[in-house]
């Protein structure tokens, strides 16, 4: 996945012209600023929301994104269910884990993940396809990646969104199905 957050359209177009179709954005508003016209010109684009989602932006997110990777709390899951039912849209979702229980990061802690996943899948009947997580920055990511993959396997979730520009090789070796690459493709963000 090419992570295009903070990147202007002129930096995205060369990737689109080269055949890249999977992109990730961090913010709903930024996505709405860039992607509607690009999706019109390149209808094969698949756009994922990889950043935090506020409940007041759920409707916009459902209308623009093909997958939301940042489901991290019950109220958000309930709001997604309600809005998707109202709009008659059912998009795939991923649960964001806080792999290191870091207070500055969003996500469900590993200790609460089993219950949260089950609630989303079986009670709310959301289309949960996988898990997403970012390990603590200055630690070895491998144990965290393995924890996420083990949890995904336990719940029969095929997608594992782990690994970024600096640790994607380790993530792939651990079983990542989706790596999020921004800096390695685009260089530093302009915003």
N, C-alpha and C. Protein backbone atom coordinates (compact mmCIF):
# COMPACT_ATOMS: atom_id res chain seq x y z
N UNK A 1 0.85 -1.17 0.00
CA UNK A 1 0.00 0.00 0.00
C UNK A 1 0.90 1.24 0.00
N UNK A 2 0.63 2.13 -0.92
CA UNK A 2 1.34 3.41 -0.96
C UNK A 2 0.63 4.38 -0.02
N UNK A 3 1.33 4.82 1.01
CA UNK A 3 0.74 5.73 1.99
C UNK A 3 0.97 7.16 1.51
N UNK A 4 -0.12 7.78 1.10
CA UNK A 4 -0.04 9.09 0.44
C UNK A 4 -0.41 10.24 1.36
N UNK A 5 -0.49 9.98 2.66
CA UNK A 5 -0.83 11.08 3.58
C UNK A 5 0.23 12.17 3.50
N UNK A 6 -0.24 13.38 3.45
CA UNK A 6 0.67 14.52 3.37
C UNK A 6 1.33 14.71 2.02
N UNK A 7 0.90 13.95 1.03
CA UNK A 7 1.51 14.06 -0.30
C UNK A 7 0.54 14.74 -1.27
N UNK A 8 1.03 15.68 -2.06
CA UNK A 8 0.16 16.33 -3.04
C UNK A 8 -0.11 15.42 -4.24
N UNK A 9 -1.14 15.74 -4.97
CA UNK A 9 -1.55 14.96 -6.14
C UNK A 9 -0.41 14.78 -7.13
N UNK A 10 0.42 15.80 -7.33
CA UNK A 10 1.49 15.68 -8.32
C UNK A 10 2.53 14.62 -7.93
N UNK A 11 2.61 14.25 -6.67
CA UNK A 11 3.51 13.16 -6.26
C UNK A 11 2.80 11.80 -6.36
N UNK A 12 1.48 11.80 -6.35
CA UNK A 12 0.71 10.55 -6.43
C UNK A 12 0.56 10.09 -7.87
N UNK A 13 0.39 11.03 -8.79
CA UNK A 13 0.13 10.70 -10.20
C UNK A 13 1.17 9.78 -10.82
N UNK A 14 2.48 9.96 -10.59
CA UNK A 14 3.43 9.02 -11.20
C UNK A 14 3.22 7.57 -10.74
N UNK A 15 2.83 7.37 -9.50
CA UNK A 15 2.56 6.01 -9.03
C UNK A 15 1.32 5.44 -9.70
N UNK A 16 0.29 6.27 -9.84
CA UNK A 16 -0.92 5.82 -10.53
C UNK A 16 -0.62 5.44 -11.97
N UNK A 17 0.17 6.26 -12.63
CA UNK A 17 0.52 5.99 -14.03
C UNK A 17 1.38 4.74 -14.16
N UNK A 18 2.11 4.40 -13.09
CA UNK A 18 2.94 3.19 -13.11
C UNK A 18 2.15 1.94 -12.74
N UNK A 19 0.87 2.11 -12.34
CA UNK A 19 0.03 0.96 -12.05
C UNK A 19 -0.28 0.71 -10.58
N UNK A 20 0.22 1.55 -9.69
CA UNK A 20 -0.11 1.39 -8.27
C UNK A 20 -1.60 1.73 -8.07
N UNK A 21 -2.34 0.84 -7.41
CA UNK A 21 -3.77 1.11 -7.22
C UNK A 21 -4.19 1.12 -5.75
N UNK A 22 -3.34 0.64 -4.84
CA UNK A 22 -3.71 0.59 -3.43
C UNK A 22 -3.01 1.70 -2.68
N UNK A 23 -3.84 2.58 -2.05
CA UNK A 23 -3.31 3.73 -1.34
C UNK A 23 -3.92 3.83 0.05
N UNK A 24 -3.18 4.44 0.96
CA UNK A 24 -3.67 4.67 2.30
C UNK A 24 -3.59 6.14 2.66
N UNK A 25 -4.65 6.63 3.27
CA UNK A 25 -4.69 8.01 3.76
C UNK A 25 -4.93 7.99 5.26
N UNK A 26 -4.44 9.01 5.92
CA UNK A 26 -4.51 9.08 7.37
C UNK A 26 -5.70 9.88 7.87
N UNK A 27 -6.20 10.80 7.06
CA UNK A 27 -7.28 11.68 7.51
C UNK A 27 -8.40 11.72 6.48
N UNK A 28 -9.63 11.73 6.98
CA UNK A 28 -10.80 11.77 6.10
C UNK A 28 -10.80 13.05 5.27
N UNK A 29 -10.56 14.20 5.91
CA UNK A 29 -10.61 15.47 5.17
C UNK A 29 -9.56 15.52 4.07
N UNK A 30 -8.36 15.06 4.37
CA UNK A 30 -7.32 15.06 3.34
C UNK A 30 -7.71 14.13 2.20
N UNK A 31 -8.31 12.99 2.55
CA UNK A 31 -8.78 12.08 1.52
C UNK A 31 -9.80 12.72 0.61
N UNK A 32 -10.73 13.47 1.17
CA UNK A 32 -11.75 14.14 0.37
C UNK A 32 -11.17 15.26 -0.48
N UNK A 33 -10.09 15.82 -0.02
CA UNK A 33 -9.45 16.89 -0.79
C UNK A 33 -8.78 16.33 -2.05
N UNK A 34 -8.21 15.13 -1.97
CA UNK A 34 -7.41 14.59 -3.07
C UNK A 34 -8.09 13.53 -3.93
N UNK A 35 -8.84 12.62 -3.32
CA UNK A 35 -9.15 11.37 -3.99
C UNK A 35 -10.41 11.31 -4.85
N UNK A 36 -11.46 12.07 -4.64
CA UNK A 36 -12.63 11.90 -5.52
C UNK A 36 -12.31 12.06 -7.01
N UNK A 37 -11.54 13.07 -7.36
CA UNK A 37 -11.22 13.25 -8.79
C UNK A 37 -10.24 12.18 -9.26
N UNK A 38 -9.30 11.78 -8.41
CA UNK A 38 -8.36 10.72 -8.80
C UNK A 38 -9.09 9.39 -9.01
N UNK A 39 -10.06 9.11 -8.12
CA UNK A 39 -10.82 7.86 -8.27
C UNK A 39 -11.69 7.90 -9.53
N UNK A 40 -12.10 9.08 -9.93
CA UNK A 40 -12.87 9.21 -11.17
C UNK A 40 -11.98 8.92 -12.38
N UNK A 41 -10.75 9.41 -12.34
CA UNK A 41 -9.81 9.19 -13.44
C UNK A 41 -9.20 7.79 -13.43
N UNK A 42 -9.09 7.21 -12.24
CA UNK A 42 -8.50 5.87 -12.08
C UNK A 42 -9.47 5.03 -11.25
N UNK A 43 -10.53 4.51 -11.86
CA UNK A 43 -11.58 3.82 -11.10
C UNK A 43 -11.13 2.54 -10.40
N UNK A 44 -9.97 2.01 -10.75
CA UNK A 44 -9.49 0.79 -10.11
C UNK A 44 -8.82 1.04 -8.75
N UNK A 45 -8.65 2.30 -8.38
CA UNK A 45 -8.02 2.65 -7.10
C UNK A 45 -8.78 2.01 -5.94
N UNK A 46 -8.00 1.49 -4.99
CA UNK A 46 -8.54 1.03 -3.71
C UNK A 46 -7.91 1.92 -2.64
N UNK A 47 -8.75 2.58 -1.88
CA UNK A 47 -8.29 3.56 -0.90
C UNK A 47 -8.66 3.10 0.51
N UNK A 48 -7.66 3.02 1.37
CA UNK A 48 -7.86 2.61 2.76
C UNK A 48 -7.65 3.80 3.69
N UNK A 49 -8.48 3.89 4.71
CA UNK A 49 -8.26 4.84 5.79
C UNK A 49 -7.41 4.13 6.82
N UNK A 50 -6.22 4.67 7.09
CA UNK A 50 -5.30 4.04 8.03
C UNK A 50 -5.11 4.87 9.29
N UNK A 51 -5.72 6.04 9.35
CA UNK A 51 -5.60 6.89 10.53
C UNK A 51 -6.85 6.86 11.37
N UNK A 52 -6.81 7.57 12.47
CA UNK A 52 -7.96 7.57 13.39
C UNK A 52 -9.22 8.13 12.74
N UNK A 53 -10.35 7.56 13.13
CA UNK A 53 -11.64 7.99 12.58
C UNK A 53 -12.53 8.48 13.71
N UNK A 54 -12.95 9.73 13.60
CA UNK A 54 -13.91 10.28 14.55
C UNK A 54 -15.31 9.87 14.11
N UNK A 55 -16.18 9.64 15.07
CA UNK A 55 -17.52 9.16 14.73
C UNK A 55 -18.30 10.17 13.89
N UNK A 56 -18.03 11.47 14.03
CA UNK A 56 -18.76 12.46 13.23
C UNK A 56 -18.31 12.47 11.77
N UNK A 57 -17.27 11.69 11.42
CA UNK A 57 -16.81 11.62 10.03
C UNK A 57 -17.03 10.25 9.42
N UNK A 58 -17.79 9.39 10.10
CA UNK A 58 -18.01 8.03 9.63
C UNK A 58 -18.72 8.01 8.28
N UNK A 59 -19.77 8.79 8.12
CA UNK A 59 -20.51 8.76 6.85
C UNK A 59 -19.59 9.12 5.68
N UNK A 60 -18.81 10.19 5.83
CA UNK A 60 -17.89 10.59 4.76
C UNK A 60 -16.88 9.48 4.49
N UNK A 61 -16.36 8.87 5.54
CA UNK A 61 -15.36 7.81 5.38
C UNK A 61 -15.94 6.63 4.62
N UNK A 62 -17.15 6.24 4.96
CA UNK A 62 -17.78 5.10 4.29
C UNK A 62 -17.99 5.40 2.80
N UNK A 63 -18.31 6.62 2.48
CA UNK A 63 -18.56 6.98 1.08
C UNK A 63 -17.28 7.04 0.24
N UNK A 64 -16.13 7.35 0.86
CA UNK A 64 -14.89 7.53 0.11
C UNK A 64 -13.98 6.31 0.13
N UNK A 65 -13.83 5.69 1.28
CA UNK A 65 -12.81 4.66 1.44
C UNK A 65 -13.36 3.27 1.12
N UNK A 66 -12.47 2.42 0.61
CA UNK A 66 -12.82 1.05 0.29
C UNK A 66 -12.60 0.11 1.46
N UNK A 67 -11.85 0.56 2.45
CA UNK A 67 -11.60 -0.21 3.67
C UNK A 67 -11.17 0.77 4.75
N UNK A 68 -11.61 0.51 5.96
CA UNK A 68 -11.19 1.31 7.12
C UNK A 68 -10.39 0.39 8.03
N UNK A 69 -9.11 0.75 8.23
CA UNK A 69 -8.22 -0.10 9.01
C UNK A 69 -8.15 0.30 10.48
N UNK A 70 -8.83 1.34 10.89
CA UNK A 70 -8.59 1.91 12.21
C UNK A 70 -9.79 1.80 13.16
N UNK A 71 -10.50 0.68 13.13
CA UNK A 71 -11.60 0.46 14.07
C UNK A 71 -10.96 0.12 15.42
N UNK A 72 -11.19 0.97 16.40
CA UNK A 72 -10.45 0.81 17.65
C UNK A 72 -11.28 0.98 18.94
N UNK A 73 -12.60 1.14 18.80
CA UNK A 73 -13.43 1.29 20.00
C UNK A 73 -14.87 0.92 19.66
N UNK A 74 -15.59 0.51 20.69
CA UNK A 74 -16.97 0.02 20.52
C UNK A 74 -17.86 1.08 19.90
N UNK A 75 -17.80 2.31 20.40
CA UNK A 75 -18.68 3.36 19.87
C UNK A 75 -18.46 3.56 18.38
N UNK A 76 -17.21 3.52 17.94
CA UNK A 76 -16.92 3.67 16.52
C UNK A 76 -17.49 2.48 15.74
N UNK A 77 -17.30 1.28 16.25
CA UNK A 77 -17.83 0.08 15.57
C UNK A 77 -19.35 0.15 15.45
N UNK A 78 -20.02 0.60 16.51
CA UNK A 78 -21.48 0.72 16.47
C UNK A 78 -21.91 1.78 15.47
N UNK A 79 -21.19 2.89 15.43
CA UNK A 79 -21.52 3.97 14.49
C UNK A 79 -21.29 3.50 13.05
N UNK A 80 -20.22 2.77 12.80
CA UNK A 80 -19.98 2.23 11.47
C UNK A 80 -21.11 1.30 11.05
N UNK A 81 -21.54 0.43 11.94
CA UNK A 81 -22.63 -0.49 11.65
C UNK A 81 -23.91 0.28 11.30
N UNK A 82 -24.23 1.27 12.12
CA UNK A 82 -25.45 2.06 11.92
C UNK A 82 -25.40 2.80 10.58
N UNK A 83 -24.28 3.45 10.28
CA UNK A 83 -24.19 4.24 9.05
C UNK A 83 -24.14 3.35 7.81
N UNK A 84 -23.43 2.23 7.89
CA UNK A 84 -23.40 1.34 6.73
C UNK A 84 -24.78 0.75 6.46
N UNK A 85 -25.52 0.45 7.50
CA UNK A 85 -26.88 -0.05 7.32
C UNK A 85 -27.75 1.02 6.69
N UNK A 86 -27.64 2.25 7.18
CA UNK A 86 -28.44 3.35 6.67
C UNK A 86 -28.14 3.64 5.21
N UNK A 87 -26.84 3.58 4.83
CA UNK A 87 -26.43 3.89 3.47
C UNK A 87 -26.47 2.68 2.54
N UNK A 88 -26.75 1.51 3.10
CA UNK A 88 -26.75 0.26 2.35
C UNK A 88 -25.39 0.03 1.68
N UNK A 89 -24.33 0.27 2.46
CA UNK A 89 -22.95 0.06 2.01
C UNK A 89 -22.29 -0.85 3.04
N UNK A 90 -21.56 -1.84 2.58
CA UNK A 90 -20.87 -2.73 3.50
C UNK A 90 -19.41 -2.83 3.07
N UNK A 91 -18.55 -2.05 3.71
CA UNK A 91 -17.14 -2.08 3.35
C UNK A 91 -16.36 -2.91 4.36
N UNK A 92 -15.24 -3.50 3.91
CA UNK A 92 -14.41 -4.25 4.83
C UNK A 92 -13.75 -3.34 5.86
N UNK A 93 -13.55 -3.92 7.04
CA UNK A 93 -12.96 -3.18 8.15
C UNK A 93 -11.82 -3.99 8.76
N UNK A 94 -10.89 -3.26 9.36
CA UNK A 94 -9.81 -3.90 10.11
C UNK A 94 -9.77 -3.28 11.50
N UNK A 95 -9.39 -4.09 12.46
CA UNK A 95 -9.30 -3.62 13.83
C UNK A 95 -7.86 -3.19 14.10
N UNK A 96 -7.73 -1.98 14.62
CA UNK A 96 -6.41 -1.45 14.94
C UNK A 96 -6.04 -1.87 16.36
N UNK A 97 -4.86 -2.46 16.48
CA UNK A 97 -4.35 -2.88 17.78
C UNK A 97 -3.28 -1.91 18.26
N UNK A 98 -3.25 -1.68 19.55
CA UNK A 98 -2.17 -0.94 20.19
C UNK A 98 -1.21 -1.99 20.72
N UNK A 99 -0.29 -2.41 19.87
CA UNK A 99 0.55 -3.58 20.15
C UNK A 99 1.41 -3.44 21.39
N UNK A 100 1.84 -2.22 21.69
CA UNK A 100 2.71 -2.02 22.85
C UNK A 100 2.01 -1.34 24.01
N UNK A 101 0.67 -1.25 23.96
CA UNK A 101 -0.09 -0.52 24.99
C UNK A 101 0.50 0.86 25.26
N UNK A 102 0.82 1.57 24.20
CA UNK A 102 1.40 2.90 24.31
C UNK A 102 0.28 3.93 24.48
N UNK A 103 0.35 4.76 25.51
CA UNK A 103 -0.74 5.71 25.78
C UNK A 103 -0.96 6.73 24.66
N UNK A 104 0.06 7.04 23.88
CA UNK A 104 -0.07 8.04 22.82
C UNK A 104 -0.66 7.47 21.53
N UNK A 105 -0.84 6.14 21.47
CA UNK A 105 -1.35 5.51 20.26
C UNK A 105 -2.77 5.02 20.45
N UNK A 106 -3.52 5.06 19.36
CA UNK A 106 -4.87 4.50 19.34
C UNK A 106 -4.76 2.99 19.18
N UNK A 107 -5.86 2.32 19.41
CA UNK A 107 -5.91 0.89 19.17
C UNK A 107 -6.38 0.12 20.39
N UNK A 108 -6.85 -1.08 20.12
CA UNK A 108 -7.32 -1.99 21.15
C UNK A 108 -6.10 -2.71 21.72
N UNK A 109 -6.02 -2.80 23.03
CA UNK A 109 -4.90 -3.52 23.63
C UNK A 109 -5.06 -5.01 23.36
N UNK A 110 -3.95 -5.71 23.32
CA UNK A 110 -3.99 -7.15 23.05
C UNK A 110 -4.81 -7.89 24.10
N UNK A 111 -4.81 -7.40 25.33
CA UNK A 111 -5.56 -8.07 26.39
C UNK A 111 -7.07 -7.98 26.19
N UNK A 112 -7.54 -7.01 25.42
CA UNK A 112 -8.97 -6.84 25.17
C UNK A 112 -9.37 -7.19 23.74
N UNK A 113 -8.41 -7.58 22.94
CA UNK A 113 -8.65 -7.76 21.51
C UNK A 113 -9.59 -8.91 21.20
N UNK A 114 -9.46 -10.05 21.88
CA UNK A 114 -10.33 -11.19 21.58
C UNK A 114 -11.80 -10.82 21.73
N UNK A 115 -12.15 -10.18 22.85
CA UNK A 115 -13.54 -9.79 23.08
C UNK A 115 -14.01 -8.76 22.06
N UNK A 116 -13.14 -7.79 21.75
CA UNK A 116 -13.51 -6.74 20.81
C UNK A 116 -13.74 -7.32 19.41
N UNK A 117 -12.85 -8.18 18.97
CA UNK A 117 -13.00 -8.81 17.65
C UNK A 117 -14.30 -9.60 17.59
N UNK A 118 -14.55 -10.41 18.61
CA UNK A 118 -15.77 -11.22 18.64
C UNK A 118 -17.02 -10.34 18.63
N UNK A 119 -17.00 -9.26 19.40
CA UNK A 119 -18.16 -8.36 19.42
C UNK A 119 -18.42 -7.77 18.03
N UNK A 120 -17.35 -7.31 17.38
CA UNK A 120 -17.50 -6.70 16.05
C UNK A 120 -17.97 -7.71 15.01
N UNK A 121 -17.40 -8.91 15.05
CA UNK A 121 -17.73 -9.93 14.04
C UNK A 121 -19.10 -10.56 14.26
N UNK A 122 -19.39 -10.94 15.50
CA UNK A 122 -20.56 -11.80 15.74
C UNK A 122 -21.78 -11.06 16.28
N UNK A 123 -21.57 -10.00 17.05
CA UNK A 123 -22.72 -9.26 17.56
C UNK A 123 -23.11 -8.13 16.60
N UNK A 124 -22.13 -7.34 16.17
CA UNK A 124 -22.44 -6.26 15.24
C UNK A 124 -22.49 -6.75 13.79
N UNK A 125 -21.94 -7.91 13.54
CA UNK A 125 -21.90 -8.51 12.20
C UNK A 125 -21.22 -7.60 11.17
N UNK A 126 -20.12 -6.99 11.61
CA UNK A 126 -19.32 -6.17 10.71
C UNK A 126 -18.40 -7.08 9.89
N UNK A 127 -18.03 -6.61 8.73
CA UNK A 127 -17.15 -7.36 7.84
C UNK A 127 -15.70 -7.09 8.26
N UNK A 128 -15.27 -7.78 9.30
CA UNK A 128 -13.91 -7.63 9.81
C UNK A 128 -13.02 -8.58 9.03
N UNK A 129 -12.06 -8.02 8.29
CA UNK A 129 -11.20 -8.85 7.44
C UNK A 129 -9.79 -9.00 7.99
N UNK A 130 -9.42 -8.19 8.98
CA UNK A 130 -8.05 -8.29 9.46
C UNK A 130 -7.73 -7.36 10.61
N UNK A 131 -6.44 -7.33 10.91
CA UNK A 131 -5.91 -6.52 12.00
C UNK A 131 -4.81 -5.61 11.48
N UNK A 132 -4.69 -4.44 12.11
CA UNK A 132 -3.63 -3.50 11.78
C UNK A 132 -2.93 -3.09 13.07
N UNK A 133 -1.63 -2.93 13.01
CA UNK A 133 -0.91 -2.49 14.19
C UNK A 133 0.46 -1.92 13.85
N UNK A 134 0.94 -1.09 14.77
CA UNK A 134 2.27 -0.49 14.66
C UNK A 134 3.00 -0.78 15.97
N UNK A 135 4.16 -1.42 15.89
CA UNK A 135 4.89 -1.72 17.13
C UNK A 135 5.53 -0.46 17.71
N UNK A 136 5.94 -0.51 18.98
CA UNK A 136 6.68 0.63 19.54
C UNK A 136 7.90 0.94 18.68
N UNK A 137 8.18 2.20 18.50
CA UNK A 137 9.16 2.67 17.52
C UNK A 137 10.58 2.15 17.77
N UNK A 138 11.05 2.21 18.99
CA UNK A 138 12.46 1.87 19.24
C UNK A 138 12.66 0.46 19.77
N UNK A 139 11.70 -0.41 19.53
CA UNK A 139 11.83 -1.80 19.97
C UNK A 139 11.85 -2.72 18.77
N UNK A 140 12.32 -3.94 18.99
CA UNK A 140 12.31 -4.95 17.95
C UNK A 140 10.86 -5.22 17.57
N UNK A 141 10.48 -5.02 16.31
CA UNK A 141 9.07 -5.17 15.94
C UNK A 141 8.61 -6.63 15.84
N UNK A 142 9.53 -7.56 15.69
CA UNK A 142 9.17 -8.95 15.40
C UNK A 142 8.22 -9.57 16.42
N UNK A 143 8.48 -9.46 17.74
CA UNK A 143 7.52 -10.06 18.68
C UNK A 143 6.12 -9.46 18.57
N UNK A 144 6.03 -8.19 18.29
CA UNK A 144 4.74 -7.52 18.15
C UNK A 144 4.02 -7.99 16.88
N UNK A 145 4.78 -8.11 15.79
CA UNK A 145 4.19 -8.62 14.56
C UNK A 145 3.66 -10.05 14.76
N UNK A 146 4.45 -10.86 15.44
CA UNK A 146 4.03 -12.25 15.68
C UNK A 146 2.77 -12.31 16.54
N UNK A 147 2.67 -11.42 17.54
CA UNK A 147 1.46 -11.38 18.36
C UNK A 147 0.24 -11.06 17.52
N UNK A 148 0.36 -10.09 16.62
CA UNK A 148 -0.77 -9.71 15.77
C UNK A 148 -1.15 -10.86 14.84
N UNK A 149 -0.18 -11.52 14.24
CA UNK A 149 -0.46 -12.62 13.32
C UNK A 149 -1.12 -13.78 14.07
N UNK A 150 -0.65 -14.08 15.27
CA UNK A 150 -1.26 -15.14 16.09
C UNK A 150 -2.72 -14.82 16.37
N UNK A 151 -3.00 -13.58 16.74
CA UNK A 151 -4.37 -13.16 17.03
C UNK A 151 -5.24 -13.25 15.76
N UNK A 152 -4.70 -12.80 14.64
CA UNK A 152 -5.45 -12.88 13.37
C UNK A 152 -5.77 -14.33 13.02
N UNK A 153 -4.81 -15.20 13.21
CA UNK A 153 -5.04 -16.62 12.93
C UNK A 153 -6.13 -17.19 13.83
N UNK A 154 -6.09 -16.81 15.10
CA UNK A 154 -7.07 -17.33 16.06
C UNK A 154 -8.49 -16.96 15.67
N UNK A 155 -8.66 -15.82 15.02
CA UNK A 155 -9.99 -15.33 14.65
C UNK A 155 -10.28 -15.50 13.15
N UNK A 156 -9.45 -16.26 12.46
CA UNK A 156 -9.64 -16.50 11.02
C UNK A 156 -9.74 -15.20 10.22
N UNK A 157 -8.85 -14.28 10.51
CA UNK A 157 -8.80 -13.00 9.80
C UNK A 157 -7.63 -13.04 8.82
N UNK A 158 -7.90 -12.97 7.52
CA UNK A 158 -6.84 -13.16 6.53
C UNK A 158 -5.88 -11.99 6.36
N UNK A 159 -6.29 -10.78 6.68
CA UNK A 159 -5.44 -9.61 6.43
C UNK A 159 -4.68 -9.20 7.68
N UNK A 160 -3.38 -8.92 7.49
CA UNK A 160 -2.51 -8.47 8.59
C UNK A 160 -1.74 -7.25 8.08
N UNK A 161 -2.19 -6.08 8.47
CA UNK A 161 -1.59 -4.84 8.02
C UNK A 161 -0.52 -4.42 9.02
N UNK A 162 0.68 -4.95 8.78
CA UNK A 162 1.83 -4.62 9.63
C UNK A 162 3.02 -4.36 8.74
N UNK A 163 3.89 -3.49 9.21
CA UNK A 163 5.10 -3.16 8.48
C UNK A 163 4.96 -1.86 7.72
N UNK A 164 6.01 -1.05 7.85
CA UNK A 164 6.08 0.23 7.15
C UNK A 164 7.45 0.33 6.49
N UNK A 165 7.81 1.51 6.03
CA UNK A 165 9.04 1.68 5.25
C UNK A 165 10.28 1.12 5.95
N UNK A 166 10.37 1.25 7.26
CA UNK A 166 11.57 0.83 7.98
C UNK A 166 11.57 -0.63 8.41
N UNK A 167 10.41 -1.26 8.50
CA UNK A 167 10.37 -2.63 9.04
C UNK A 167 9.52 -3.59 8.19
N UNK A 168 9.30 -3.25 6.94
CA UNK A 168 8.41 -4.08 6.11
C UNK A 168 8.98 -5.47 5.85
N UNK A 169 10.32 -5.59 5.76
CA UNK A 169 10.90 -6.91 5.50
C UNK A 169 10.62 -7.86 6.67
N UNK A 170 10.79 -7.38 7.88
CA UNK A 170 10.50 -8.19 9.06
C UNK A 170 9.02 -8.54 9.12
N UNK A 171 8.17 -7.57 8.77
CA UNK A 171 6.72 -7.80 8.80
C UNK A 171 6.33 -8.89 7.81
N UNK A 172 6.89 -8.85 6.62
CA UNK A 172 6.58 -9.87 5.61
C UNK A 172 7.03 -11.24 6.10
N UNK A 173 8.19 -11.31 6.70
CA UNK A 173 8.68 -12.59 7.23
C UNK A 173 7.77 -13.12 8.34
N UNK A 174 7.11 -12.23 9.06
CA UNK A 174 6.21 -12.64 10.14
C UNK A 174 4.80 -12.97 9.66
N UNK A 175 4.48 -12.65 8.42
CA UNK A 175 3.16 -12.99 7.89
C UNK A 175 2.30 -11.82 7.49
N UNK A 176 2.89 -10.66 7.31
CA UNK A 176 2.11 -9.50 6.85
C UNK A 176 1.53 -9.77 5.47
N UNK A 177 0.29 -9.35 5.28
CA UNK A 177 -0.32 -9.41 3.95
C UNK A 177 -0.42 -8.03 3.33
N UNK A 178 -0.11 -7.01 4.12
CA UNK A 178 -0.25 -5.64 3.65
C UNK A 178 0.77 -4.77 4.37
N UNK A 179 1.73 -4.24 3.63
CA UNK A 179 2.69 -3.32 4.21
C UNK A 179 2.34 -1.90 3.76
N UNK A 180 2.54 -0.96 4.66
CA UNK A 180 2.19 0.44 4.40
C UNK A 180 3.48 1.22 4.15
N UNK A 181 3.70 1.59 2.89
CA UNK A 181 4.96 2.22 2.50
C UNK A 181 4.69 3.66 2.06
N UNK A 182 5.27 4.59 2.76
CA UNK A 182 5.13 6.00 2.41
C UNK A 182 6.46 6.63 2.08
N UNK A 183 7.31 6.79 3.08
CA UNK A 183 8.59 7.46 2.91
C UNK A 183 9.45 6.82 1.82
N UNK A 184 9.47 5.50 1.77
CA UNK A 184 10.30 4.81 0.77
C UNK A 184 9.81 5.07 -0.65
N UNK A 185 8.54 5.40 -0.83
CA UNK A 185 7.98 5.69 -2.16
C UNK A 185 8.00 7.17 -2.49
N UNK A 186 7.62 7.99 -1.51
CA UNK A 186 7.41 9.40 -1.76
C UNK A 186 8.52 10.31 -1.23
N UNK A 187 9.36 9.80 -0.34
CA UNK A 187 10.28 10.67 0.38
C UNK A 187 9.53 11.32 1.53
N UNK A 188 10.07 12.35 2.08
CA UNK A 188 9.46 13.04 3.23
C UNK A 188 8.14 13.68 2.83
N UNK A 189 7.23 13.72 3.81
CA UNK A 189 5.94 14.38 3.58
C UNK A 189 6.15 15.88 3.46
N UNK A 190 5.33 16.49 2.63
CA UNK A 190 5.40 17.94 2.44
C UNK A 190 4.59 18.67 3.49
N UNK A 191 3.60 17.99 4.12
CA UNK A 191 2.74 18.63 5.11
C UNK A 191 3.10 18.14 6.48
